Amino acid sequence: MSYEAVFFDLDNTLYPYAPCNEAGKRAAFDALRERGYELDRETFDDLYAAGRREAKRETRTTAASHNRHVYFKRALRRHAGDPAVASALAAGDAYWDGYVDAMSLCDGVEAVFDAFAAAGTDVAIVTNLTTRVQLRKLARLGVDDRIDLLVTSEEVGREKPSALPFTSALAELDCRPSEVLAVGDNVETDLAGANALGIDTALFVADGDAPADADLPERQRPDHRLDAFADLTEVAT
């Protein structure tokens, strides 16, 4: 079946997430050490995890739940008992600098996007997280000129699996759910959110293992599974 548009998740769909996250945390750790924090890596990881848990607990369903500056702000307050404003800023900036430097596009993405352009199929990125960070990632990956639309959870005020990111993209591109394919790695957000609207779904995990259909509730099961990103041209055109 051919589609009028394909909605892509960004993180761990267009590029592998884990190596970037590790590079970011390593850069933030180094930044804090340079600022005089006598932390070993285990202590740093524990503080980061605590800040992350607290932020997600209090800001879940919003883009702020992914904000690394918030993680470090909360982690350093827990560690030092004061706001540590400059250090939280330095750690958050270092994290994203290290993260972006480590990004590498999955094989086949550019060729697939070019095939969609030739077929007149719109490409949208429908993603959780903040707009500035996602813009920076797309520019780093070098596919910003191949994207017809970017919708972030920050812009619409709710995170996938909420319908809002998807319906915003549908309205912007003037498409019906039946005319769209959604591609993502996360069955709880990308697939469940699209499935609920009657959008066809494809599961592609850039880094890690994809769960089997037998392990998933019906609302999270994909219509298609992709072993390689390049397989998408056969599914969507």
C-alpha atoms as a PDB file:
ATOM      1  CA  MET A   1       0.000   0.000   0.000  1.00  0.00           C
ATOM      2  CA  SER A   2       1.204   3.513  -0.734  1.00  0.00           C
ATOM      3  CA  TYR A   3       0.769   6.286   1.838  1.00  0.00           C
ATOM      4  CA  GLU A   4       0.380  10.034   1.578  1.00  0.00           C
ATOM      5  CA  ALA A   5       2.702  10.538   4.562  1.00  0.00           C
ATOM      6  CA  VAL A   6       4.981   8.631   6.903  1.00  0.00           C
ATOM      7  CA  PHE A   7       5.312   9.731  10.536  1.00  0.00           C
ATOM      8  CA  PHE A   8       8.687   8.867  12.047  1.00  0.00           C
ATOM      9  CA  ASP A   9       9.767   8.800  15.626  1.00  0.00           C
ATOM     10  CA  LEU A  10      13.276  10.239  15.968  1.00  0.00           C
ATOM     11  CA  ASP A  11      15.151   8.733  18.904  1.00  0.00           C
ATOM     12  CA  ASN A  12      16.306   5.139  18.395  1.00  0.00           C
ATOM     13  CA  THR A  13      14.437   5.102  15.091  1.00  0.00           C
ATOM     14  CA  LEU A  14      16.542   7.277  12.785  1.00  0.00           C
ATOM     15  CA  TYR A  15      19.720   6.712  14.819  1.00  0.00           C
ATOM     16  CA  PRO A  16      20.888   4.458  17.703  1.00  0.00           C
ATOM     17  CA  TYR A  17      20.161   6.003  21.098  1.00  0.00           C
ATOM     18  CA  ALA A  18      22.340   4.109  23.596  1.00  0.00           C
ATOM     19  CA  PRO A  19      25.812   5.196  22.384  1.00  0.00           C
ATOM     20  CA  CYS A  20      24.685   8.827  22.263  1.00  0.00           C
ATOM     21  CA  ASN A  21      23.228   8.713  25.764  1.00  0.00           C
ATOM     22  CA  GLU A  22      26.446   7.197  27.097  1.00  0.00           C
ATOM     23  CA  ALA A  23      28.571   9.827  25.319  1.00  0.00           C
ATOM     24  CA  GLY A  24      26.371  12.552  26.773  1.00  0.00           C
ATOM     25  CA  LYS A  25      26.606  11.256  30.315  1.00  0.00           C
ATOM     26  CA  ARG A  26      30.361  10.851  30.010  1.00  0.00           C
ATOM     27  CA  ALA A  27      30.700  14.464  28.829  1.00  0.00           C
ATOM     28  CA  ALA A  28      28.502  15.710  31.699  1.00  0.00           C
ATOM     29  CA  PHE A  29      30.538  13.691  34.208  1.00  0.00           C
ATOM     30  CA  ASP A  30      33.767  15.224  32.881  1.00  0.00           C
ATOM     31  CA  ALA A  31      32.229  18.714  33.043  1.00  0.00           C
ATOM     32  CA  LEU A  32      31.295  18.296  36.689  1.00  0.00           C
ATOM     33  CA  ARG A  33      34.723  16.909  37.569  1.00  0.00           C
ATOM     34  CA  GLU A  34      36.296  19.949  35.912  1.00  0.00           C
ATOM     35  CA  ARG A  35      34.110  22.162  38.104  1.00  0.00           C
ATOM     36  CA  GLY A  36      35.490  20.541  41.239  1.00  0.00           C
ATOM     37  CA  TYR A  37      32.923  17.849  41.991  1.00  0.00           C
ATOM     38  CA  GLU A  38      34.757  14.858  43.438  1.00  0.00           C
ATOM     39  CA  LEU A  39      32.496  12.215  41.967  1.00  0.00           C
ATOM     40  CA  ASP A  40      33.326   8.772  40.707  1.00  0.00           C
ATOM     41  CA  ARG A  41      31.324   7.474  37.768  1.00  0.00           C
ATOM     42  CA  GLU A  42      29.156   5.217  39.913  1.00  0.00           C
ATOM     43  CA  THR A  43      28.142   8.120  42.154  1.00  0.00           C
ATOM     44  CA  PHE A  44      27.472  10.279  39.105  1.00  0.00           C
ATOM     45  CA  ASP A  45      25.266   7.584  37.565  1.00  0.00           C
ATOM     46  CA  ASP A  46      23.321   7.215  40.801  1.00  0.00           C
ATOM     47  CA  LEU A  47      22.757  10.979  41.031  1.00  0.00           C
ATOM     48  CA  TYR A  48      21.736  11.190  37.386  1.00  0.00           C
ATOM     49  CA  ALA A  49      19.290   8.316  37.819  1.00  0.00           C
ATOM     50  CA  ALA A  50      17.798   9.915  40.925  1.00  0.00           C
ATOM     51  CA  GLY A  51      17.370  13.277  39.186  1.00  0.00           C
ATOM     52  CA  ARG A  52      15.819  11.560  36.199  1.00  0.00           C
ATOM     53  CA  ARG A  53      13.357   9.576  38.303  1.00  0.00           C
ATOM     54  CA  GLU A  54      12.274  12.661  40.218  1.00  0.00           C
ATOM     55  CA  ALA A  55      11.829  14.722  37.055  1.00  0.00           C
ATOM     56  CA  LYS A  56       9.832  12.007  35.313  1.00  0.00           C
ATOM     57  CA  ARG A  57       7.641  11.424  38.343  1.00  0.00           C
ATOM     58  CA  GLU A  58       6.715  15.092  38.593  1.00  0.00           C
ATOM     59  CA  THR A  59       6.567  16.043  34.903  1.00  0.00           C
ATOM     60  CA  ARG A  60       5.375  12.837  33.206  1.00  0.00           C
ATOM     61  CA  THR A  61       3.289  13.214  30.033  1.00  0.00           C
ATOM     62  CA  THR A  62       5.169  16.461  29.228  1.00  0.00           C
ATOM     63  CA  ALA A  63       8.384  17.178  27.319  1.00  0.00           C
ATOM     64  CA  ALA A  64      10.028  18.403  30.541  1.00  0.00           C
ATOM     65  CA  SER A  65      10.290  14.767  31.624  1.00  0.00           C
ATOM     66  CA  HIS A  66      13.209  14.406  29.161  1.00  0.00           C
ATOM     67  CA  ASN A  67      15.025  17.645  30.049  1.00  0.00           C
ATOM     68  CA  ARG A  68      18.597  16.805  31.057  1.00  0.00           C
ATOM     69  CA  HIS A  69      19.118  20.242  32.582  1.00  0.00           C
ATOM     70  CA  VAL A  70      16.240  19.444  34.923  1.00  0.00           C
ATOM     71  CA  TYR A  71      17.826  16.078  35.750  1.00  0.00           C
ATOM     72  CA  PHE A  72      21.144  17.707  36.658  1.00  0.00           C
ATOM     73  CA  LYS A  73      19.516  20.555  38.551  1.00  0.00           C
ATOM     74  CA  ARG A  74      17.687  18.097  40.753  1.00  0.00           C
ATOM     75  CA  ALA A  75      20.642  15.713  41.051  1.00  0.00           C
ATOM     76  CA  LEU A  76      23.068  18.426  42.135  1.00  0.00           C
ATOM     77  CA  ARG A  77      20.630  19.847  44.650  1.00  0.00           C
ATOM     78  CA  ARG A  78      20.355  16.357  46.118  1.00  0.00           C
ATOM     79  CA  HIS A  79      24.160  16.057  46.173  1.00  0.00           C
ATOM     80  CA  ALA A  80      25.180  19.519  47.355  1.00  0.00           C
ATOM     81  CA  GLY A  81      22.055  20.880  49.012  1.00  0.00           C
ATOM     82  CA  ASP A  82      22.034  24.085  46.967  1.00  0.00           C
ATOM     83  CA  PRO A  83      20.732  25.102  43.516  1.00  0.00           C
ATOM     84  CA  ALA A  84      24.166  24.741  41.797  1.00  0.00           C
ATOM     85  CA  VAL A  85      22.792  26.797  38.913  1.00  0.00           C
ATOM     86  CA  ALA A  86      25.993  27.209  36.911  1.00  0.00           C
ATOM     87  CA  SER A  87      26.997  23.576  37.368  1.00  0.00           C
ATOM     88  CA  ALA A  88      23.585  22.263  36.338  1.00  0.00           C
ATOM     89  CA  LEU A  89      23.755  24.426  33.218  1.00  0.00           C
ATOM     90  CA  ALA A  90      27.288  23.259  32.418  1.00  0.00           C
ATOM     91  CA  ALA A  91      26.390  19.588  32.900  1.00  0.00           C
ATOM     92  CA  GLY A  92      23.249  19.847  30.787  1.00  0.00           C
ATOM     93  CA  ASP A  93      25.055  21.661  27.986  1.00  0.00           C
ATOM     94  CA  ALA A  94      27.941  19.162  28.092  1.00  0.00           C
ATOM     95  CA  TYR A  95      25.504  16.254  27.959  1.00  0.00           C
ATOM     96  CA  TRP A  96      23.873  17.456  24.763  1.00  0.00           C
ATOM     97  CA  ASP A  97      27.185  18.417  23.158  1.00  0.00           C
ATOM     98  CA  GLY A  98      28.542  14.934  23.802  1.00  0.00           C
ATOM     99  CA  TYR A  99      25.304  13.291  22.759  1.00  0.00           C
ATOM    100  CA  VAL A 100      25.005  15.110  19.440  1.00  0.00           C
ATOM    101  CA  ASP A 101      28.670  14.552  18.571  1.00  0.00           C
ATOM    102  CA  ALA A 102      28.096  10.790  18.859  1.00  0.00           C
ATOM    103  CA  MET A 103      25.021  10.670  16.621  1.00  0.00           C
ATOM    104  CA  SER A 104      25.108   8.566  13.473  1.00  0.00           C
ATOM    105  CA  LEU A 105      22.234   8.067  11.036  1.00  0.00           C
ATOM    106  CA  CYS A 106      20.991   4.504  10.533  1.00  0.00           C
ATOM    107  CA  ASP A 107      21.930   2.884   7.239  1.00  0.00           C
ATOM    108  CA  GLY A 108      19.321   3.455   4.579  1.00  0.00           C
ATOM    109  CA  VAL A 109      17.574   6.518   6.020  1.00  0.00           C
ATOM    110  CA  GLU A 110      18.690   8.969   3.334  1.00  0.00           C
ATOM    111  CA  ALA A 111      17.812   6.574   0.506  1.00  0.00           C
ATOM    112  CA  VAL A 112      14.363   5.925   1.987  1.00  0.00           C
ATOM    113  CA  PHE A 113      13.690   9.650   2.411  1.00  0.00           C
ATOM    114  CA  ASP A 114      14.789  10.264  -1.173  1.00  0.00           C
ATOM    115  CA  ALA A 115      12.441   7.513  -2.381  1.00  0.00           C
ATOM    116  CA  PHE A 116       9.562   9.110  -0.487  1.00  0.00           C
ATOM    117  CA  ALA A 117      10.355  12.503  -1.990  1.00  0.00           C
ATOM    118  CA  ALA A 118      10.335  10.994  -5.480  1.00  0.00           C
ATOM    119  CA  ALA A 119       6.983   9.332  -4.761  1.00  0.00           C
ATOM    120  CA  GLY A 120       5.454  12.517  -3.362  1.00  0.00           C
ATOM    121  CA  THR A 121       5.144  11.007   0.134  1.00  0.00           C
ATOM    122  CA  ASP A 122       5.460  13.522   2.969  1.00  0.00           C
ATOM    123  CA  VAL A 123       7.924  12.808   5.775  1.00  0.00           C
ATOM    124  CA  ALA A 124       7.031  13.996   9.263  1.00  0.00           C
ATOM    125  CA  ILE A 125       8.928  13.614  12.522  1.00  0.00           C
ATOM    126  CA  VAL A 126       6.478  13.128  15.398  1.00  0.00           C
ATOM    127  CA  THR A 127       8.539  12.982  18.551  1.00  0.00           C
ATOM    128  CA  ASN A 128       8.578  13.378  22.287  1.00  0.00           C
ATOM    129  CA  LEU A 129      11.047  15.868  23.830  1.00  0.00           C
ATOM    130  CA  THR A 130      11.766  19.564  23.474  1.00  0.00           C
ATOM    131  CA  THR A 131      11.806  21.330  20.142  1.00  0.00           C
ATOM    132  CA  ARG A 132      15.274  22.888  20.328  1.00  0.00           C
ATOM    133  CA  VAL A 133      16.950  19.581  21.132  1.00  0.00           C
ATOM    134  CA  GLN A 134      15.135  17.723  18.366  1.00  0.00           C
ATOM    135  CA  LEU A 135      15.923  20.452  15.838  1.00  0.00           C
ATOM    136  CA  ARG A 136      19.570  20.181  16.804  1.00  0.00           C
ATOM    137  CA  LYS A 137      19.526  16.403  16.329  1.00  0.00           C
ATOM    138  CA  LEU A 138      17.935  16.615  12.891  1.00  0.00           C
ATOM    139  CA  ALA A 139      20.483  19.214  11.772  1.00  0.00           C
ATOM    140  CA  ARG A 140      23.322  17.030  13.062  1.00  0.00           C
ATOM    141  CA  LEU A 141      21.978  13.989  11.216  1.00  0.00           C
ATOM    142  CA  GLY A 142      21.835  16.019   8.008  1.00  0.00           C
ATOM    143  CA  VAL A 143      18.238  15.162   7.151  1.00  0.00           C
ATOM    144  CA  ASP A 144      16.627  18.466   8.083  1.00  0.00           C
ATOM    145  CA  ASP A 145      16.173  19.348   4.397  1.00  0.00           C
ATOM    146  CA  ARG A 146      14.301  16.069   3.807  1.00  0.00           C
ATOM    147  CA  ILE A 147      11.686  16.682   6.513  1.00  0.00           C
ATOM    148  CA  ASP A 148       8.317  18.157   5.590  1.00  0.00           C
ATOM    149  CA  LEU A 149       7.099  18.560   9.172  1.00  0.00           C
ATOM    150  CA  LEU A 150       8.356  18.329  12.748  1.00  0.00           C
ATOM    151  CA  VAL A 151       5.904  17.959  15.632  1.00  0.00           C
ATOM    152  CA  THR A 152       7.280  17.742  19.173  1.00  0.00           C
ATOM    153  CA  SER A 153       5.485  16.940  22.399  1.00  0.00           C
ATOM    154  CA  GLU A 154       6.650  20.314  23.731  1.00  0.00           C
ATOM    155  CA  GLU A 155       4.714  22.099  20.977  1.00  0.00           C
ATOM    156  CA  VAL A 156       1.439  20.288  21.551  1.00  0.00           C
ATOM    157  CA  GLY A 157       1.707  19.976  25.328  1.00  0.00           C
ATOM    158  CA  ARG A 158       1.313  16.196  25.561  1.00  0.00           C
ATOM    159  CA  GLU A 159       3.558  13.224  24.938  1.00  0.00           C
ATOM    160  CA  LYS A 160       2.904  10.198  22.805  1.00  0.00           C
ATOM    161  CA  PRO A 161       0.908   7.958  23.221  1.00  0.00           C
ATOM    162  CA  SER A 162      -1.455  10.935  23.503  1.00  0.00           C
ATOM    163  CA  ALA A 163      -3.330  11.492  20.260  1.00  0.00           C
ATOM    164  CA  LEU A 164      -2.296  15.162  20.127  1.00  0.00           C
ATOM    165  CA  PRO A 165       1.123  14.796  18.456  1.00  0.00           C
ATOM    166  CA  PHE A 166      -0.390  12.544  15.797  1.00  0.00           C
ATOM    167  CA  THR A 167      -3.548  14.554  15.183  1.00  0.00           C
ATOM    168  CA  SER A 168      -1.505  17.748  14.947  1.00  0.00           C
ATOM    169  CA  ALA A 169       0.599  16.173  12.192  1.00  0.00           C
ATOM    170  CA  LEU A 170      -2.495  14.819  10.435  1.00  0.00           C
ATOM    171  CA  ALA A 171      -4.103  18.256  10.433  1.00  0.00           C
ATOM    172  CA  GLU A 172      -0.931  20.020   9.272  1.00  0.00           C
ATOM    173  CA  LEU A 173      -0.495  17.643   6.331  1.00  0.00           C
ATOM    174  CA  ASP A 174      -4.256  17.358   5.658  1.00  0.00           C
ATOM    175  CA  CYS A 175      -4.180  13.564   5.862  1.00  0.00           C
ATOM    176  CA  ARG A 176      -6.597  10.968   7.169  1.00  0.00           C
ATOM    177  CA  PRO A 177      -5.279   8.230   9.497  1.00  0.00           C
ATOM    178  CA  SER A 178      -5.810   5.641   6.760  1.00  0.00           C
ATOM    179  CA  GLU A 179      -3.376   7.560   4.525  1.00  0.00           C
ATOM    180  CA  VAL A 180      -0.479   7.461   6.976  1.00  0.00           C
ATOM    181  CA  LEU A 181       2.124   5.000   8.237  1.00  0.00           C
ATOM    182  CA  ALA A 182       3.803   5.594  11.627  1.00  0.00           C
ATOM    183  CA  VAL A 183       7.299   4.192  12.209  1.00  0.00           C
ATOM    184  CA  GLY A 184       8.900   3.965  15.639  1.00  0.00           C
ATOM    185  CA  ASP A 185      10.843   1.893  18.138  1.00  0.00           C
ATOM    186  CA  ASN A 186       8.670   2.260  21.238  1.00  0.00           C
ATOM    187  CA  VAL A 187       5.591   0.055  21.385  1.00  0.00           C
ATOM    188  CA  GLU A 188       4.150   1.946  24.387  1.00  0.00           C
ATOM    189  CA  THR A 189       4.332   5.406  22.834  1.00  0.00           C
ATOM    190  CA  ASP A 190       4.887   5.279  19.061  1.00  0.00           C
ATOM    191  CA  LEU A 191       2.807   2.218  18.229  1.00  0.00           C
ATOM    192  CA  ALA A 192       0.078   2.419  20.864  1.00  0.00           C
ATOM    193  CA  GLY A 193      -0.527   6.087  20.091  1.00  0.00           C
ATOM    194  CA  ALA A 194      -0.781   5.567  16.343  1.00  0.00           C
ATOM    195  CA  ASN A 195      -2.756   2.330  16.596  1.00  0.00           C
ATOM    196  CA  ALA A 196      -5.379   4.056  18.724  1.00  0.00           C
ATOM    197  CA  LEU A 197      -6.090   6.434  15.833  1.00  0.00           C
ATOM    198  CA  GLY A 198      -6.244   3.741  13.171  1.00  0.00           C
ATOM    199  CA  ILE A 199      -2.847   4.653  11.702  1.00  0.00           C
ATOM    200  CA  ASP A 200      -0.875   1.725  10.269  1.00  0.00           C
ATOM    201  CA  THR A 201       2.331   1.106  12.207  1.00  0.00           C
ATOM    202  CA  ALA A 202       5.820  -0.273  11.563  1.00  0.00           C
ATOM    203  CA  LEU A 203       8.263  -1.258  14.292  1.00  0.00           C
ATOM    204  CA  PHE A 204      11.931  -0.491  13.759  1.00  0.00           C
ATOM    205  CA  VAL A 205      14.415  -0.522  16.644  1.00  0.00           C
ATOM    206  CA  ALA A 206      17.737   1.059  15.728  1.00  0.00           C
ATOM    207  CA  ASP A 207      19.489  -0.151  18.867  1.00  0.00           C
ATOM    208  CA  GLY A 208      18.298  -3.085  20.941  1.00  0.00           C
ATOM    209  CA  ASP A 209      15.822  -5.927  20.602  1.00  0.00           C
ATOM    210  CA  ALA A 210      12.246  -5.584  19.412  1.00  0.00           C
ATOM    211  CA  PRO A 211       9.618  -7.350  21.538  1.00  0.00           C
ATOM    212  CA  ALA A 212       7.729 -10.237  19.981  1.00  0.00           C
ATOM    213  CA  ASP A 213       4.065  -9.794  19.126  1.00  0.00           C
ATOM    214  CA  ALA A 214       3.160 -12.562  21.568  1.00  0.00           C
ATOM    215  CA  ASP A 215       4.551 -10.442  24.408  1.00  0.00           C
ATOM    216  CA  LEU A 216       2.513  -7.368  23.499  1.00  0.00           C
ATOM    217  CA  PRO A 217      -1.104  -6.371  24.096  1.00  0.00           C
ATOM    218  CA  GLU A 218      -3.084  -5.847  20.904  1.00  0.00           C
ATOM    219  CA  ARG A 219      -2.898  -2.040  21.126  1.00  0.00           C
ATOM    220  CA  GLN A 220       0.906  -2.154  20.932  1.00  0.00           C
ATOM    221  CA  ARG A 221       1.342  -4.618  18.077  1.00  0.00           C
ATOM    222  CA  PRO A 222       2.755  -3.315  14.784  1.00  0.00           C
ATOM    223  CA  ASP A 223       1.256  -3.930  11.377  1.00  0.00           C
ATOM    224  CA  HIS A 224       4.782  -4.324  10.001  1.00  0.00           C
ATOM    225  CA  ARG A 225       8.197  -5.219  11.395  1.00  0.00           C
ATOM    226  CA  LEU A 226      11.379  -3.920   9.783  1.00  0.00           C
ATOM    227  CA  ASP A 227      14.683  -5.776  10.057  1.00  0.00           C
ATOM    228  CA  ALA A 228      16.426  -2.951   8.195  1.00  0.00           C
ATOM    229  CA  PHE A 229      15.406   0.645   7.641  1.00  0.00           C
ATOM    230  CA  ALA A 230      15.666   0.170   3.878  1.00  0.00           C
ATOM    231  CA  ASP A 231      12.826  -2.373   4.040  1.00  0.00           C
ATOM    232  CA  LEU A 232      10.470   0.558   4.556  1.00  0.00           C
ATOM    233  CA  THR A 233      10.381   1.386   0.842  1.00  0.00           C
ATOM    234  CA  GLU A 234       8.658  -1.956   0.147  1.00  0.00           C
ATOM    235  CA  VAL A 235       6.115  -1.329   2.913  1.00  0.00           C
ATOM    236  CA  ALA A 236       5.264   2.304   2.257  1.00  0.00           C
ATOM    237  CA  THR A 237       5.528   2.936  -1.496  1.00  0.00           C
END
